[in-house]
Amino acid sequence: MKQTAHSSTDTTETTAAEPTPAEGRFTYQAEPDQPPSVAIVSAIAEQEDLDVLSVADELEPLYNVVDPTALDALFDVSSDAPELDRAGGSVTFAYAGRTVTVDTTGRVILERT
């Protein structure tokens, strides 16, 4: 949220701070061709400032909490279905000490629990 204060002689702008990853919420935008199952691990790696392979080795497998194939199919952007036929939506589940939300735009939201 951006606020601007005006006076006759000067303009001051203040910007509300976005929450930092340490404060518990992190948003990651997947690449257009990146499946959600890969985007989730990439998001956690970016949140923790780690290499993706390091994160994959340290976390429990994603398939222990959600079926990655089904998740990827649910948000498959290469589907032959016209975009208008696809309903918007999201999936939320617990993984690696976080609530993970993935939506149809490719956004991954991580919230520490």
N, C-alpha and C. Protein backbone atom coordinates (compact mmCIF):
# COMPACT_ATOMS: atom_id res chain seq x y z
N MET A 1 0.85 -1.17 0.00
CA MET A 1 0.00 0.00 0.00
C MET A 1 0.89 1.23 0.00
N LYS A 2 0.64 2.12 -0.90
CA LYS A 2 1.45 3.32 -1.02
C LYS A 2 0.63 4.51 -0.57
N GLN A 3 1.20 5.29 0.30
CA GLN A 3 0.52 6.48 0.79
C GLN A 3 1.34 7.69 0.40
N THR A 4 0.67 8.73 -0.03
CA THR A 4 1.36 9.96 -0.38
C THR A 4 0.78 11.10 0.44
N ALA A 5 1.66 11.85 1.10
CA ALA A 5 1.23 13.01 1.88
C ALA A 5 1.64 14.25 1.11
N HIS A 6 0.70 15.14 0.90
CA HIS A 6 0.98 16.37 0.15
C HIS A 6 0.95 17.58 1.07
N SER A 7 1.88 18.48 0.85
CA SER A 7 1.85 19.78 1.52
C SER A 7 2.16 20.82 0.45
N SER A 8 2.11 22.06 0.81
CA SER A 8 2.34 23.11 -0.17
C SER A 8 3.78 23.14 -0.68
N THR A 9 4.72 22.57 0.09
CA THR A 9 6.12 22.68 -0.32
C THR A 9 6.77 21.35 -0.66
N ASP A 10 6.21 20.23 -0.18
CA ASP A 10 6.90 18.99 -0.50
C ASP A 10 5.94 17.81 -0.53
N THR A 11 6.39 16.75 -1.16
CA THR A 11 5.61 15.51 -1.25
C THR A 11 6.44 14.41 -0.61
N THR A 12 5.85 13.69 0.31
CA THR A 12 6.53 12.60 0.98
C THR A 12 5.78 11.31 0.69
N GLU A 13 6.52 10.28 0.30
CA GLU A 13 5.89 8.99 0.05
C GLU A 13 6.39 7.99 1.07
N THR A 14 5.46 7.20 1.58
CA THR A 14 5.83 6.10 2.46
C THR A 14 5.21 4.83 1.90
N THR A 15 5.93 3.77 1.97
CA THR A 15 5.45 2.49 1.47
C THR A 15 5.39 1.52 2.63
N ALA A 16 4.23 0.87 2.79
CA ALA A 16 4.09 -0.14 3.83
C ALA A 16 5.00 -1.31 3.48
N ALA A 17 5.71 -1.80 4.45
CA ALA A 17 6.65 -2.90 4.21
C ALA A 17 5.90 -4.19 3.95
N GLU A 18 6.39 -4.92 2.96
CA GLU A 18 5.86 -6.25 2.70
C GLU A 18 6.45 -7.18 3.76
N PRO A 19 5.70 -8.20 4.16
CA PRO A 19 6.25 -9.14 5.13
C PRO A 19 7.50 -9.82 4.55
N THR A 20 8.51 -9.99 5.36
CA THR A 20 9.70 -10.69 4.91
C THR A 20 9.48 -12.18 5.10
N PRO A 21 10.28 -13.02 4.40
CA PRO A 21 10.12 -14.46 4.56
C PRO A 21 10.19 -14.91 6.01
N ALA A 22 11.02 -14.26 6.81
CA ALA A 22 11.15 -14.65 8.21
C ALA A 22 9.88 -14.36 9.00
N GLU A 23 9.05 -13.43 8.51
CA GLU A 23 7.81 -13.11 9.19
C GLU A 23 6.71 -14.11 8.88
N GLY A 24 6.96 -15.04 7.99
CA GLY A 24 6.02 -16.12 7.81
C GLY A 24 5.31 -16.26 6.49
N ARG A 25 5.26 -15.25 5.65
CA ARG A 25 4.53 -15.38 4.37
C ARG A 25 5.49 -15.07 3.23
N PHE A 26 5.44 -15.92 2.22
CA PHE A 26 6.32 -15.76 1.07
C PHE A 26 5.53 -16.11 -0.19
N THR A 27 5.64 -15.30 -1.22
CA THR A 27 4.94 -15.54 -2.47
C THR A 27 5.95 -15.76 -3.59
N TYR A 28 5.73 -16.79 -4.36
CA TYR A 28 6.61 -17.16 -5.47
C TYR A 28 5.75 -17.26 -6.72
N GLN A 29 6.22 -16.70 -7.82
CA GLN A 29 5.51 -16.83 -9.10
C GLN A 29 6.26 -17.82 -9.97
N ALA A 30 5.61 -18.92 -10.29
CA ALA A 30 6.23 -19.96 -11.11
C ALA A 30 6.42 -19.47 -12.54
N GLU A 31 7.40 -20.04 -13.20
CA GLU A 31 7.59 -19.79 -14.63
C GLU A 31 6.40 -20.41 -15.37
N PRO A 32 6.05 -19.89 -16.54
CA PRO A 32 4.87 -20.39 -17.25
C PRO A 32 4.88 -21.90 -17.52
N ASP A 33 6.05 -22.48 -17.75
CA ASP A 33 6.12 -23.91 -18.04
C ASP A 33 6.54 -24.75 -16.83
N GLN A 34 6.57 -24.15 -15.66
CA GLN A 34 7.02 -24.85 -14.45
C GLN A 34 5.84 -25.52 -13.76
N PRO A 35 5.87 -26.85 -13.63
CA PRO A 35 4.77 -27.54 -12.96
C PRO A 35 4.70 -27.14 -11.48
N PRO A 36 3.51 -27.16 -10.90
CA PRO A 36 3.36 -26.79 -9.48
C PRO A 36 4.25 -27.60 -8.54
N SER A 37 4.42 -28.89 -8.80
CA SER A 37 5.24 -29.70 -7.91
C SER A 37 6.69 -29.21 -7.87
N VAL A 38 7.19 -28.72 -8.97
CA VAL A 38 8.54 -28.15 -9.03
C VAL A 38 8.55 -26.75 -8.44
N ALA A 39 7.50 -25.99 -8.72
CA ALA A 39 7.41 -24.61 -8.21
C ALA A 39 7.40 -24.57 -6.69
N ILE A 40 6.77 -25.55 -6.05
CA ILE A 40 6.70 -25.58 -4.59
C ILE A 40 8.10 -25.72 -4.00
N VAL A 41 8.87 -26.67 -4.51
CA VAL A 41 10.24 -26.86 -4.01
C VAL A 41 11.10 -25.64 -4.34
N SER A 42 10.91 -25.07 -5.51
CA SER A 42 11.65 -23.85 -5.89
C SER A 42 11.30 -22.69 -4.97
N ALA A 43 10.03 -22.57 -4.61
CA ALA A 43 9.59 -21.50 -3.72
C ALA A 43 10.24 -21.63 -2.35
N ILE A 44 10.26 -22.84 -1.82
CA ILE A 44 10.88 -23.05 -0.50
C ILE A 44 12.38 -22.77 -0.58
N ALA A 45 13.02 -23.19 -1.66
CA ALA A 45 14.45 -22.92 -1.84
C ALA A 45 14.71 -21.41 -1.86
N GLU A 46 13.88 -20.68 -2.59
CA GLU A 46 14.06 -19.22 -2.65
C GLU A 46 13.78 -18.58 -1.29
N GLN A 47 12.74 -19.06 -0.61
CA GLN A 47 12.40 -18.52 0.71
C GLN A 47 13.55 -18.71 1.69
N GLU A 48 14.18 -19.87 1.63
CA GLU A 48 15.27 -20.19 2.56
C GLU A 48 16.64 -19.79 2.02
N ASP A 49 16.69 -19.23 0.81
CA ASP A 49 17.94 -18.85 0.17
C ASP A 49 18.89 -20.04 0.06
N LEU A 50 18.34 -21.16 -0.44
CA LEU A 50 19.09 -22.39 -0.61
C LEU A 50 18.99 -22.87 -2.05
N ASP A 51 19.87 -23.78 -2.41
CA ASP A 51 19.82 -24.43 -3.70
C ASP A 51 18.63 -25.41 -3.71
N VAL A 52 17.98 -25.54 -4.86
CA VAL A 52 16.81 -26.43 -4.97
C VAL A 52 17.17 -27.86 -4.58
N LEU A 53 18.32 -28.35 -5.00
CA LEU A 53 18.70 -29.71 -4.66
C LEU A 53 18.91 -29.89 -3.16
N SER A 54 19.43 -28.88 -2.50
CA SER A 54 19.61 -28.94 -1.04
C SER A 54 18.26 -29.06 -0.35
N VAL A 55 17.30 -28.28 -0.81
CA VAL A 55 15.97 -28.31 -0.22
C VAL A 55 15.33 -29.67 -0.44
N ALA A 56 15.44 -30.20 -1.65
CA ALA A 56 14.85 -31.50 -1.95
C ALA A 56 15.45 -32.59 -1.08
N ASP A 57 16.74 -32.49 -0.77
CA ASP A 57 17.38 -33.49 0.09
C ASP A 57 16.97 -33.36 1.55
N GLU A 58 16.69 -32.14 2.00
CA GLU A 58 16.39 -31.89 3.41
C GLU A 58 14.93 -32.11 3.78
N LEU A 59 14.02 -31.93 2.85
CA LEU A 59 12.59 -32.03 3.15
C LEU A 59 12.07 -33.44 2.92
N GLU A 60 10.95 -33.74 3.58
CA GLU A 60 10.30 -35.00 3.27
C GLU A 60 9.80 -34.91 1.83
N PRO A 61 9.71 -36.04 1.15
CA PRO A 61 9.23 -35.99 -0.24
C PRO A 61 7.84 -35.38 -0.34
N LEU A 62 7.64 -34.56 -1.34
CA LEU A 62 6.35 -33.93 -1.56
C LEU A 62 5.25 -34.97 -1.72
N TYR A 63 5.58 -36.10 -2.34
CA TYR A 63 4.58 -37.14 -2.56
C TYR A 63 4.06 -37.77 -1.27
N ASN A 64 4.70 -37.49 -0.13
CA ASN A 64 4.18 -37.97 1.15
C ASN A 64 2.94 -37.20 1.60
N VAL A 65 2.74 -36.00 1.05
CA VAL A 65 1.60 -35.17 1.49
C VAL A 65 0.60 -34.86 0.37
N VAL A 66 1.05 -34.92 -0.87
CA VAL A 66 0.15 -34.65 -2.00
C VAL A 66 0.67 -35.43 -3.21
N ASP A 67 -0.23 -35.84 -4.07
CA ASP A 67 0.17 -36.55 -5.29
C ASP A 67 0.67 -35.52 -6.31
N PRO A 68 1.98 -35.45 -6.55
CA PRO A 68 2.52 -34.44 -7.46
C PRO A 68 1.97 -34.55 -8.88
N THR A 69 1.75 -35.77 -9.34
CA THR A 69 1.21 -35.95 -10.69
C THR A 69 -0.19 -35.38 -10.80
N ALA A 70 -1.01 -35.64 -9.80
CA ALA A 70 -2.38 -35.10 -9.79
C ALA A 70 -2.36 -33.58 -9.66
N LEU A 71 -1.48 -33.06 -8.81
CA LEU A 71 -1.37 -31.61 -8.64
C LEU A 71 -0.97 -30.94 -9.96
N ASP A 72 0.03 -31.51 -10.62
CA ASP A 72 0.48 -30.95 -11.89
C ASP A 72 -0.62 -31.03 -12.95
N ALA A 73 -1.35 -32.13 -12.98
CA ALA A 73 -2.44 -32.29 -13.95
C ALA A 73 -3.56 -31.29 -13.70
N LEU A 74 -3.82 -31.01 -12.43
CA LEU A 74 -4.88 -30.08 -12.08
C LEU A 74 -4.62 -28.68 -12.64
N PHE A 75 -3.36 -28.28 -12.65
CA PHE A 75 -2.99 -26.95 -13.11
C PHE A 75 -2.20 -26.99 -14.42
N ASP A 76 -2.41 -28.01 -15.23
CA ASP A 76 -1.67 -28.19 -16.48
C ASP A 76 -2.00 -27.08 -17.47
N VAL A 77 -1.02 -26.23 -17.73
CA VAL A 77 -1.24 -25.11 -18.65
C VAL A 77 -1.12 -25.54 -20.11
N SER A 78 -0.62 -26.73 -20.36
CA SER A 78 -0.49 -27.19 -21.74
C SER A 78 -1.72 -27.96 -22.20
N SER A 79 -2.72 -28.02 -21.36
CA SER A 79 -3.95 -28.75 -21.67
C SER A 79 -4.59 -28.18 -22.94
N ASP A 80 -5.27 -29.04 -23.67
CA ASP A 80 -5.97 -28.62 -24.89
C ASP A 80 -7.26 -27.88 -24.58
N ALA A 81 -7.70 -27.91 -23.33
CA ALA A 81 -8.95 -27.24 -22.97
C ALA A 81 -8.79 -25.73 -23.13
N PRO A 82 -9.77 -25.08 -23.76
CA PRO A 82 -9.70 -23.62 -23.86
C PRO A 82 -9.63 -22.97 -22.48
N GLU A 83 -8.93 -21.87 -22.40
CA GLU A 83 -8.75 -21.19 -21.11
C GLU A 83 -10.08 -20.84 -20.46
N LEU A 84 -11.07 -20.47 -21.27
CA LEU A 84 -12.37 -20.10 -20.70
C LEU A 84 -13.07 -21.28 -20.05
N ASP A 85 -12.71 -22.50 -20.47
CA ASP A 85 -13.35 -23.68 -19.89
C ASP A 85 -12.75 -24.07 -18.55
N ARG A 86 -11.62 -23.49 -18.21
CA ARG A 86 -10.97 -23.83 -16.94
C ARG A 86 -11.45 -22.91 -15.84
N ALA A 87 -11.85 -23.52 -14.76
CA ALA A 87 -12.28 -22.71 -13.60
C ALA A 87 -11.04 -22.31 -12.81
N GLY A 88 -11.03 -21.09 -12.30
CA GLY A 88 -9.95 -20.66 -11.42
C GLY A 88 -10.07 -21.41 -10.11
N GLY A 89 -8.98 -21.55 -9.43
CA GLY A 89 -9.04 -22.24 -8.16
C GLY A 89 -7.67 -22.34 -7.54
N SER A 90 -7.63 -23.00 -6.40
CA SER A 90 -6.37 -23.18 -5.69
C SER A 90 -6.44 -24.46 -4.87
N VAL A 91 -5.28 -24.92 -4.48
CA VAL A 91 -5.14 -26.08 -3.60
C VAL A 91 -4.26 -25.65 -2.44
N THR A 92 -4.67 -26.00 -1.23
CA THR A 92 -3.91 -25.66 -0.03
C THR A 92 -3.66 -26.93 0.77
N PHE A 93 -2.44 -27.08 1.26
CA PHE A 93 -2.08 -28.24 2.07
C PHE A 93 -0.88 -27.89 2.94
N ALA A 94 -0.63 -28.71 3.95
CA ALA A 94 0.51 -28.51 4.85
C ALA A 94 1.71 -29.29 4.32
N TYR A 95 2.87 -28.63 4.32
CA TYR A 95 4.10 -29.28 3.87
C TYR A 95 5.30 -28.54 4.45
N ALA A 96 6.21 -29.28 5.02
CA ALA A 96 7.50 -28.75 5.50
C ALA A 96 7.34 -27.57 6.45
N GLY A 97 6.40 -27.68 7.40
CA GLY A 97 6.21 -26.61 8.39
C GLY A 97 5.55 -25.37 7.83
N ARG A 98 4.87 -25.52 6.72
CA ARG A 98 4.22 -24.38 6.06
C ARG A 98 2.84 -24.79 5.56
N THR A 99 1.99 -23.80 5.41
CA THR A 99 0.77 -23.99 4.65
C THR A 99 1.11 -23.54 3.24
N VAL A 100 0.91 -24.43 2.27
CA VAL A 100 1.25 -24.16 0.88
C VAL A 100 -0.04 -23.97 0.10
N THR A 101 -0.14 -22.88 -0.64
CA THR A 101 -1.28 -22.65 -1.52
C THR A 101 -0.75 -22.44 -2.93
N VAL A 102 -1.31 -23.20 -3.87
CA VAL A 102 -0.96 -23.09 -5.28
C VAL A 102 -2.24 -22.70 -6.00
N ASP A 103 -2.14 -21.72 -6.92
CA ASP A 103 -3.35 -21.34 -7.65
C ASP A 103 -3.15 -21.43 -9.16
N THR A 104 -4.21 -21.19 -9.89
CA THR A 104 -4.20 -21.34 -11.34
C THR A 104 -3.31 -20.33 -12.06
N THR A 105 -2.86 -19.30 -11.39
CA THR A 105 -1.97 -18.31 -12.01
C THR A 105 -0.50 -18.72 -11.90
N GLY A 106 -0.22 -19.83 -11.20
CA GLY A 106 1.15 -20.25 -11.00
C GLY A 106 1.77 -19.67 -9.74
N ARG A 107 0.96 -19.00 -8.96
CA ARG A 107 1.45 -18.40 -7.71
C ARG A 107 1.49 -19.47 -6.62
N VAL A 108 2.60 -19.48 -5.88
CA VAL A 108 2.76 -20.37 -4.73
C VAL A 108 2.92 -19.47 -3.51
N ILE A 109 2.04 -19.64 -2.53
CA ILE A 109 2.11 -18.86 -1.29
C ILE A 109 2.50 -19.80 -0.17
N LEU A 110 3.55 -19.45 0.55
CA LEU A 110 4.04 -20.23 1.68
C LEU A 110 3.80 -19.43 2.95
N GLU A 111 3.16 -20.05 3.92
CA GLU A 111 2.95 -19.42 5.22
C GLU A 111 3.44 -20.38 6.29
N ARG A 112 4.37 -19.90 7.10
CA ARG A 112 4.90 -20.75 8.18
C ARG A 112 3.80 -21.05 9.19
N THR A 113 3.80 -22.30 9.66
CA THR A 113 2.79 -22.70 10.65
C THR A 113 3.41 -22.81 12.02
